[in-house]
Amino acid sequence: MESGPAIFASGAFMLFGAGLLLWTVVRMTHRAPVAHGVHPSVAAALTTMFSLASLALGLWCLSRI
Protein backbone atom coordinates (compact mmCIF):
# COMPACT_ATOMS: atom_id res chain seq x y z
CA MET A 1 0.00 0.00 0.00
CA GLU A 2 2.84 2.42 0.68
CA SER A 3 4.42 1.92 -2.73
CA GLY A 4 1.59 3.72 -4.57
CA PRO A 5 2.27 7.19 -3.14
CA ALA A 6 6.04 6.69 -3.51
CA ILE A 7 5.63 5.81 -7.19
CA PHE A 8 3.37 8.83 -7.74
CA ALA A 9 5.74 11.20 -5.92
CA SER A 10 8.79 9.89 -7.80
CA GLY A 11 6.97 10.24 -11.10
CA ALA A 12 5.94 13.81 -10.30
CA PHE A 13 9.43 14.82 -9.20
CA MET A 14 11.12 13.16 -12.16
CA LEU A 15 8.65 14.59 -14.67
CA PHE A 16 9.11 18.09 -13.26
CA GLY A 17 12.90 17.76 -13.17
CA ALA A 18 13.13 16.43 -16.71
CA GLY A 19 10.75 19.08 -18.03
CA LEU A 20 12.63 21.89 -16.31
CA LEU A 21 15.98 20.60 -17.54
CA LEU A 22 14.68 20.25 -21.11
CA TRP A 23 13.13 23.74 -21.00
CA THR A 24 16.39 25.24 -19.71
CA VAL A 25 18.47 23.55 -22.42
CA VAL A 26 16.09 24.66 -25.18
CA ARG A 27 16.05 28.26 -23.90
CA MET A 28 19.85 28.34 -23.67
CA THR A 29 20.37 26.89 -27.16
CA HIS A 30 18.06 29.54 -28.61
CA ARG A 31 19.88 32.22 -26.58
CA ALA A 32 16.58 33.22 -25.03
CA PRO A 33 16.39 34.37 -21.41
CA VAL A 34 15.76 31.59 -18.92
CA ALA A 35 14.28 34.02 -16.37
CA HIS A 36 13.46 37.66 -17.00
CA GLY A 37 15.36 40.17 -14.91
CA VAL A 38 18.08 37.72 -13.84
CA HIS A 39 21.61 37.41 -15.22
CA PRO A 40 21.56 34.55 -17.80
CA SER A 41 24.33 32.49 -16.20
CA VAL A 42 22.76 32.71 -12.74
CA ALA A 43 19.33 31.76 -14.08
CA ALA A 44 20.73 28.81 -16.02
CA ALA A 45 22.75 27.59 -13.05
CA LEU A 46 19.82 27.81 -10.64
CA THR A 47 17.31 26.12 -12.92
CA THR A 48 19.80 23.36 -13.70
CA MET A 49 20.48 22.89 -9.98
CA PHE A 50 16.77 22.69 -9.14
CA SER A 51 16.02 20.30 -12.00
CA LEU A 52 18.85 17.95 -10.98
CA ALA A 53 17.71 18.14 -7.36
CA SER A 54 14.19 17.22 -8.42
CA LEU A 55 15.48 14.29 -10.47
CA ALA A 56 17.57 13.12 -7.51
CA LEU A 57 14.57 13.38 -5.21
CA GLY A 58 12.53 11.31 -7.65
CA LEU A 59 15.22 8.64 -7.71
CA TRP A 60 15.37 8.68 -3.92
CA CYS A 61 11.60 8.12 -3.76
CA LEU A 62 11.95 5.17 -6.12
CA SER A 63 14.71 3.68 -3.98
CA ARG A 64 12.33 3.64 -0.98
CA ILE A 65 9.92 1.20 -2.62
PDB file of N, CA and C in Angstrom:
ATOM      1  N   MET A   1       0.804  -1.198   0.000  1.00  0.00           N
ATOM      2  CA  MET A   1       0.000   0.000   0.000  1.00  0.00           C
ATOM      3  C   MET A   1       0.848   1.264   0.000  1.00  0.00           C
ATOM      4  N   GLU A   2       2.025   1.220   0.630  1.00  0.00           N
ATOM      5  CA  GLU A   2       2.839   2.421   0.684  1.00  0.00           C
ATOM      6  C   GLU A   2       3.581   2.688  -0.608  1.00  0.00           C
ATOM      7  N   SER A   3       3.654   1.718  -1.502  1.00  0.00           N
ATOM      8  CA  SER A   3       4.419   1.921  -2.732  1.00  0.00           C
ATOM      9  C   SER A   3       3.674   2.816  -3.728  1.00  0.00           C
ATOM     10  N   GLY A   4       2.366   2.880  -3.655  1.00  0.00           N
ATOM     11  CA  GLY A   4       1.592   3.720  -4.573  1.00  0.00           C
ATOM     12  C   GLY A   4       1.941   5.192  -4.469  1.00  0.00           C
ATOM     13  N   PRO A   5       1.895   5.789  -3.261  1.00  0.00           N
ATOM     14  CA  PRO A   5       2.269   7.193  -3.138  1.00  0.00           C
ATOM     15  C   PRO A   5       3.738   7.451  -3.487  1.00  0.00           C
ATOM     16  N   ALA A   6       4.622   6.499  -3.184  1.00  0.00           N
ATOM     17  CA  ALA A   6       6.044   6.686  -3.513  1.00  0.00           C
ATOM     18  C   ALA A   6       6.244   6.701  -5.022  1.00  0.00           C
ATOM     19  N   ILE A   7       5.531   5.846  -5.730  1.00  0.00           N
ATOM     20  CA  ILE A   7       5.634   5.811  -7.193  1.00  0.00           C
ATOM     21  C   ILE A   7       5.080   7.103  -7.781  1.00  0.00           C
ATOM     22  N   PHE A   8       3.949   7.579  -7.250  1.00  0.00           N
ATOM     23  CA  PHE A   8       3.370   8.826  -7.742  1.00  0.00           C
ATOM     24  C   PHE A   8       4.301  10.004  -7.484  1.00  0.00           C
ATOM     25  N   ALA A   9       4.847  10.089  -6.268  1.00  0.00           N
ATOM     26  CA  ALA A   9       5.739  11.196  -5.920  1.00  0.00           C
ATOM     27  C   ALA A   9       7.002  11.160  -6.777  1.00  0.00           C
ATOM     28  N   SER A  10       7.571   9.975  -6.973  1.00  0.00           N
ATOM     29  CA  SER A  10       8.786   9.892  -7.797  1.00  0.00           C
ATOM     30  C   SER A  10       8.496  10.269  -9.240  1.00  0.00           C
ATOM     31  N   GLY A  11       7.347   9.860  -9.742  1.00  0.00           N
ATOM     32  CA  GLY A  11       6.974  10.241 -11.102  1.00  0.00           C
ATOM     33  C   GLY A  11       6.784  11.736 -11.248  1.00  0.00           C
ATOM     34  N   ALA A  12       6.155  12.360 -10.249  1.00  0.00           N
ATOM     35  CA  ALA A  12       5.940  13.805 -10.297  1.00  0.00           C
ATOM     36  C   ALA A  12       7.265  14.554 -10.233  1.00  0.00           C
ATOM     37  N   PHE A  13       8.140  14.157  -9.314  1.00  0.00           N
ATOM     38  CA  PHE A  13       9.433  14.820  -9.196  1.00  0.00           C
ATOM     39  C   PHE A  13      10.275  14.631 -10.450  1.00  0.00           C
ATOM     40  N   MET A  14      10.295  13.427 -10.987  1.00  0.00           N
ATOM     41  CA  MET A  14      11.120  13.164 -12.158  1.00  0.00           C
ATOM     42  C   MET A  14      10.561  13.846 -13.400  1.00  0.00           C
ATOM     43  N   LEU A  15       9.253  13.901 -13.535  1.00  0.00           N
ATOM     44  CA  LEU A  15       8.649  14.591 -14.671  1.00  0.00           C
ATOM     45  C   LEU A  15       8.932  16.091 -14.606  1.00  0.00           C
ATOM     46  N   PHE A  16       8.806  16.674 -13.423  1.00  0.00           N
ATOM     47  CA  PHE A  16       9.107  18.087 -13.262  1.00  0.00           C
ATOM     48  C   PHE A  16      10.584  18.369 -13.530  1.00  0.00           C
ATOM     49  N   GLY A  17      11.469  17.554 -12.981  1.00  0.00           N
ATOM     50  CA  GLY A  17      12.904  17.755 -13.171  1.00  0.00           C
ATOM     51  C   GLY A  17      13.319  17.625 -14.622  1.00  0.00           C
ATOM     52  N   ALA A  18      12.790  16.613 -15.299  1.00  0.00           N
ATOM     53  CA  ALA A  18      13.131  16.426 -16.708  1.00  0.00           C
ATOM     54  C   ALA A  18      12.571  17.552 -17.567  1.00  0.00           C
ATOM     55  N   GLY A  19      11.352  17.979 -17.269  1.00  0.00           N
ATOM     56  CA  GLY A  19      10.755  19.082 -18.028  1.00  0.00           C
ATOM     57  C   GLY A  19      11.500  20.385 -17.828  1.00  0.00           C
ATOM     58  N   LEU A  20      11.890  20.665 -16.593  1.00  0.00           N
ATOM     59  CA  LEU A  20      12.630  21.887 -16.310  1.00  0.00           C
ATOM     60  C   LEU A  20      14.006  21.862 -16.961  1.00  0.00           C
ATOM     61  N   LEU A  21      14.666  20.715 -16.916  1.00  0.00           N
ATOM     62  CA  LEU A  21      15.983  20.601 -17.544  1.00  0.00           C
ATOM     63  C   LEU A  21      15.879  20.754 -19.053  1.00  0.00           C
ATOM     64  N   LEU A  22      14.885  20.125 -19.668  1.00  0.00           N
ATOM     65  CA  LEU A  22      14.678  20.253 -21.106  1.00  0.00           C
ATOM     66  C   LEU A  22      14.365  21.692 -21.492  1.00  0.00           C
ATOM     67  N   TRP A  23      13.490  22.355 -20.721  1.00  0.00           N
ATOM     68  CA  TRP A  23      13.126  23.736 -20.997  1.00  0.00           C
ATOM     69  C   TRP A  23      14.346  24.650 -20.896  1.00  0.00           C
ATOM     70  N   THR A  24      15.190  24.427 -19.885  1.00  0.00           N
ATOM     71  CA  THR A  24      16.387  25.245 -19.712  1.00  0.00           C
ATOM     72  C   THR A  24      17.347  25.061 -20.875  1.00  0.00           C
ATOM     73  N   VAL A  25      17.551  23.824 -21.299  1.00  0.00           N
ATOM     74  CA  VAL A  25      18.468  23.553 -22.415  1.00  0.00           C
ATOM     75  C   VAL A  25      17.952  24.188 -23.701  1.00  0.00           C
ATOM     76  N   VAL A  26      16.664  24.076 -23.961  1.00  0.00           N
ATOM     77  CA  VAL A  26      16.094  24.664 -25.178  1.00  0.00           C
ATOM     78  C   VAL A  26      16.220  26.181 -25.151  1.00  0.00           C
ATOM     79  N   ARG A  27      15.932  26.799 -23.999  1.00  0.00           N
ATOM     80  CA  ARG A  27      16.051  28.260 -23.899  1.00  0.00           C
ATOM     81  C   ARG A  27      17.496  28.711 -24.086  1.00  0.00           C
ATOM     82  N   MET A  28      18.446  27.961 -23.544  1.00  0.00           N
ATOM     83  CA  MET A  28      19.848  28.340 -23.670  1.00  0.00           C
ATOM     84  C   MET A  28      20.361  28.147 -25.093  1.00  0.00           C
ATOM     85  N   THR A  29      19.909  27.104 -25.784  1.00  0.00           N
ATOM     86  CA  THR A  29      20.367  26.893 -27.156  1.00  0.00           C
ATOM     87  C   THR A  29      19.812  27.946 -28.101  1.00  0.00           C
ATOM     88  N   HIS A  30      18.637  28.475 -27.797  1.00  0.00           N
ATOM     89  CA  HIS A  30      18.059  29.544 -28.611  1.00  0.00           C
ATOM     90  C   HIS A  30      18.509  30.923 -28.159  1.00  0.00           C
ATOM     91  N   ARG A  31      19.371  30.971 -27.165  1.00  0.00           N
ATOM     92  CA  ARG A  31      19.879  32.217 -26.576  1.00  0.00           C
ATOM     93  C   ARG A  31      18.745  33.119 -26.098  1.00  0.00           C
ATOM     94  N   ALA A  32      17.704  32.497 -25.605  1.00  0.00           N
ATOM     95  CA  ALA A  32      16.579  33.224 -25.028  1.00  0.00           C
ATOM     96  C   ALA A  32      16.782  33.288 -23.510  1.00  0.00           C
ATOM     97  N   PRO A  33      16.207  34.293 -22.858  1.00  0.00           N
ATOM     98  CA  PRO A  33      16.388  34.369 -21.405  1.00  0.00           C
ATOM     99  C   PRO A  33      15.683  33.217 -20.693  1.00  0.00           C
ATOM    100  N   VAL A  34      16.352  32.672 -19.715  1.00  0.00           N
ATOM    101  CA  VAL A  34      15.760  31.591 -18.922  1.00  0.00           C
ATOM    102  C   VAL A  34      14.786  32.182 -17.914  1.00  0.00           C
ATOM    103  N   ALA A  35      15.160  33.300 -17.297  1.00  0.00           N
ATOM    104  CA  ALA A  35      14.282  34.021 -16.372  1.00  0.00           C
ATOM    105  C   ALA A  35      14.471  35.510 -16.621  1.00  0.00           C
ATOM    106  N   HIS A  36      13.383  36.234 -16.715  1.00  0.00           N
ATOM    107  CA  HIS A  36      13.458  37.664 -16.996  1.00  0.00           C
ATOM    108  C   HIS A  36      13.943  38.422 -15.763  1.00  0.00           C
ATOM    109  N   GLY A  37      14.859  39.346 -15.987  1.00  0.00           N
ATOM    110  CA  GLY A  37      15.363  40.173 -14.909  1.00  0.00           C
ATOM    111  C   GLY A  37      16.506  39.567 -14.122  1.00  0.00           C
ATOM    112  N   VAL A  38      16.988  38.400 -14.541  1.00  0.00           N
ATOM    113  CA  VAL A  38      18.079  37.720 -13.840  1.00  0.00           C
ATOM    114  C   VAL A  38      19.214  37.523 -14.833  1.00  0.00           C
ATOM    115  N   HIS A  39      20.444  37.625 -14.339  1.00  0.00           N
ATOM    116  CA  HIS A  39      21.606  37.405 -15.215  1.00  0.00           C
ATOM    117  C   HIS A  39      21.507  36.002 -15.822  1.00  0.00           C
ATOM    118  N   PRO A  40      21.754  35.843 -17.132  1.00  0.00           N
ATOM    119  CA  PRO A  40      21.560  34.551 -17.797  1.00  0.00           C
ATOM    120  C   PRO A  40      22.335  33.382 -17.181  1.00  0.00           C
ATOM    121  N   SER A  41      23.569  33.607 -16.759  1.00  0.00           N
ATOM    122  CA  SER A  41      24.335  32.492 -16.200  1.00  0.00           C
ATOM    123  C   SER A  41      23.797  32.076 -14.833  1.00  0.00           C
ATOM    124  N   VAL A  42      23.328  33.039 -14.047  1.00  0.00           N
ATOM    125  CA  VAL A  42      22.756  32.712 -12.736  1.00  0.00           C
ATOM    126  C   VAL A  42      21.447  31.955 -12.913  1.00  0.00           C
ATOM    127  N   ALA A  43      20.611  32.413 -13.836  1.00  0.00           N
ATOM    128  CA  ALA A  43      19.327  31.756 -14.077  1.00  0.00           C
ATOM    129  C   ALA A  43      19.532  30.335 -14.587  1.00  0.00           C
ATOM    130  N   ALA A  44      20.474  30.155 -15.494  1.00  0.00           N
ATOM    131  CA  ALA A  44      20.728  28.808 -16.023  1.00  0.00           C
ATOM    132  C   ALA A  44      21.280  27.894 -14.944  1.00  0.00           C
ATOM    133  N   ALA A  45      22.173  28.409 -14.114  1.00  0.00           N
ATOM    134  CA  ALA A  45      22.748  27.589 -13.049  1.00  0.00           C
ATOM    135  C   ALA A  45      21.691  27.185 -12.022  1.00  0.00           C
ATOM    136  N   LEU A  46      20.846  28.124 -11.634  1.00  0.00           N
ATOM    137  CA  LEU A  46      19.819  27.810 -10.637  1.00  0.00           C
ATOM    138  C   LEU A  46      18.771  26.838 -11.167  1.00  0.00           C
ATOM    139  N   THR A  47      18.312  27.042 -12.388  1.00  0.00           N
ATOM    140  CA  THR A  47      17.310  26.119 -12.922  1.00  0.00           C
ATOM    141  C   THR A  47      17.898  24.731 -13.139  1.00  0.00           C
ATOM    142  N   THR A  48      19.155  24.667 -13.549  1.00  0.00           N
ATOM    143  CA  THR A  48      19.802  23.362 -13.696  1.00  0.00           C
ATOM    144  C   THR A  48      19.945  22.681 -12.342  1.00  0.00           C
ATOM    145  N   MET A  49      20.331  23.453 -11.318  1.00  0.00           N
ATOM    146  CA  MET A  49      20.480  22.885  -9.983  1.00  0.00           C
ATOM    147  C   MET A  49      19.144  22.357  -9.457  1.00  0.00           C
ATOM    148  N   PHE A  50      18.071  23.129  -9.628  1.00  0.00           N
ATOM    149  CA  PHE A  50      16.771  22.686  -9.143  1.00  0.00           C
ATOM    150  C   PHE A  50      16.232  21.496  -9.933  1.00  0.00           C
ATOM    151  N   SER A  51      16.498  21.441 -11.225  1.00  0.00           N
ATOM    152  CA  SER A  51      16.021  20.301 -12.003  1.00  0.00           C
ATOM    153  C   SER A  51      16.780  19.034 -11.618  1.00  0.00           C
ATOM    154  N   LEU A  52      18.087  19.135 -11.403  1.00  0.00           N
ATOM    155  CA  LEU A  52      18.851  17.953 -10.978  1.00  0.00           C
ATOM    156  C   LEU A  52      18.466  17.525  -9.565  1.00  0.00           C
ATOM    157  N   ALA A  53      18.170  18.484  -8.703  1.00  0.00           N
ATOM    158  CA  ALA A  53      17.713  18.142  -7.355  1.00  0.00           C
ATOM    159  C   ALA A  53      16.361  17.431  -7.407  1.00  0.00           C
ATOM    160  N   SER A  54      15.490  17.867  -8.278  1.00  0.00           N
ATOM    161  CA  SER A  54      14.189  17.222  -8.422  1.00  0.00           C
ATOM    162  C   SER A  54      14.339  15.802  -8.975  1.00  0.00           C
ATOM    163  N   LEU A  55      15.227  15.627  -9.947  1.00  0.00           N
ATOM    164  CA  LEU A  55      15.480  14.289 -10.468  1.00  0.00           C
ATOM    165  C   LEU A  55      16.073  13.381  -9.389  1.00  0.00           C
ATOM    166  N   ALA A  56      16.977  13.908  -8.588  1.00  0.00           N
ATOM    167  CA  ALA A  56      17.570  13.115  -7.509  1.00  0.00           C
ATOM    168  C   ALA A  56      16.520  12.746  -6.461  1.00  0.00           C
ATOM    169  N   LEU A  57      15.626  13.671  -6.157  1.00  0.00           N
ATOM    170  CA  LEU A  57      14.565  13.379  -5.206  1.00  0.00           C
ATOM    171  C   LEU A  57      13.616  12.306  -5.750  1.00  0.00           C
ATOM    172  N   GLY A  58      13.348  12.348  -7.037  1.00  0.00           N
ATOM    173  CA  GLY A  58      12.531  11.307  -7.648  1.00  0.00           C
ATOM    174  C   GLY A  58      13.196   9.941  -7.585  1.00  0.00           C
ATOM    175  N   LEU A  59      14.494   9.898  -7.830  1.00  0.00           N
ATOM    176  CA  LEU A  59      15.216   8.635  -7.714  1.00  0.00           C
ATOM    177  C   LEU A  59      15.258   8.144  -6.274  1.00  0.00           C
ATOM    178  N   TRP A  60      15.374   9.057  -5.330  1.00  0.00           N
ATOM    179  CA  TRP A  60      15.368   8.683  -3.921  1.00  0.00           C
ATOM    180  C   TRP A  60      14.011   8.079  -3.536  1.00  0.00           C
ATOM    181  N   CYS A  61      12.926   8.672  -4.042  1.00  0.00           N
ATOM    182  CA  CYS A  61      11.597   8.125  -3.756  1.00  0.00           C
ATOM    183  C   CYS A  61      11.455   6.718  -4.342  1.00  0.00           C
ATOM    184  N   LEU A  62      12.016   6.510  -5.528  1.00  0.00           N
ATOM    185  CA  LEU A  62      11.954   5.166  -6.118  1.00  0.00           C
ATOM    186  C   LEU A  62      12.780   4.164  -5.334  1.00  0.00           C
ATOM    187  N   SER A  63      13.865   4.606  -4.730  1.00  0.00           N
ATOM    188  CA  SER A  63      14.710   3.685  -3.975  1.00  0.00           C
ATOM    189  C   SER A  63      14.054   3.258  -2.670  1.00  0.00           C
ATOM    190  N   ARG A  64      13.019   3.971  -2.228  1.00  0.00           N
ATOM    191  CA  ARG A  64      12.330   3.643  -0.980  1.00  0.00           C
ATOM    192  C   ARG A  64      11.212   2.620  -1.165  1.00  0.00           C
ATOM    193  N   ILE A  65      11.010   2.171  -2.369  1.00  0.00           N
ATOM    194  CA  ILE A  65       9.920   1.203  -2.621  1.00  0.00           C
ATOM    195  C   ILE A  65      10.358  -0.178  -2.191  1.00  0.00           C
TER     196      ILE A  65
END
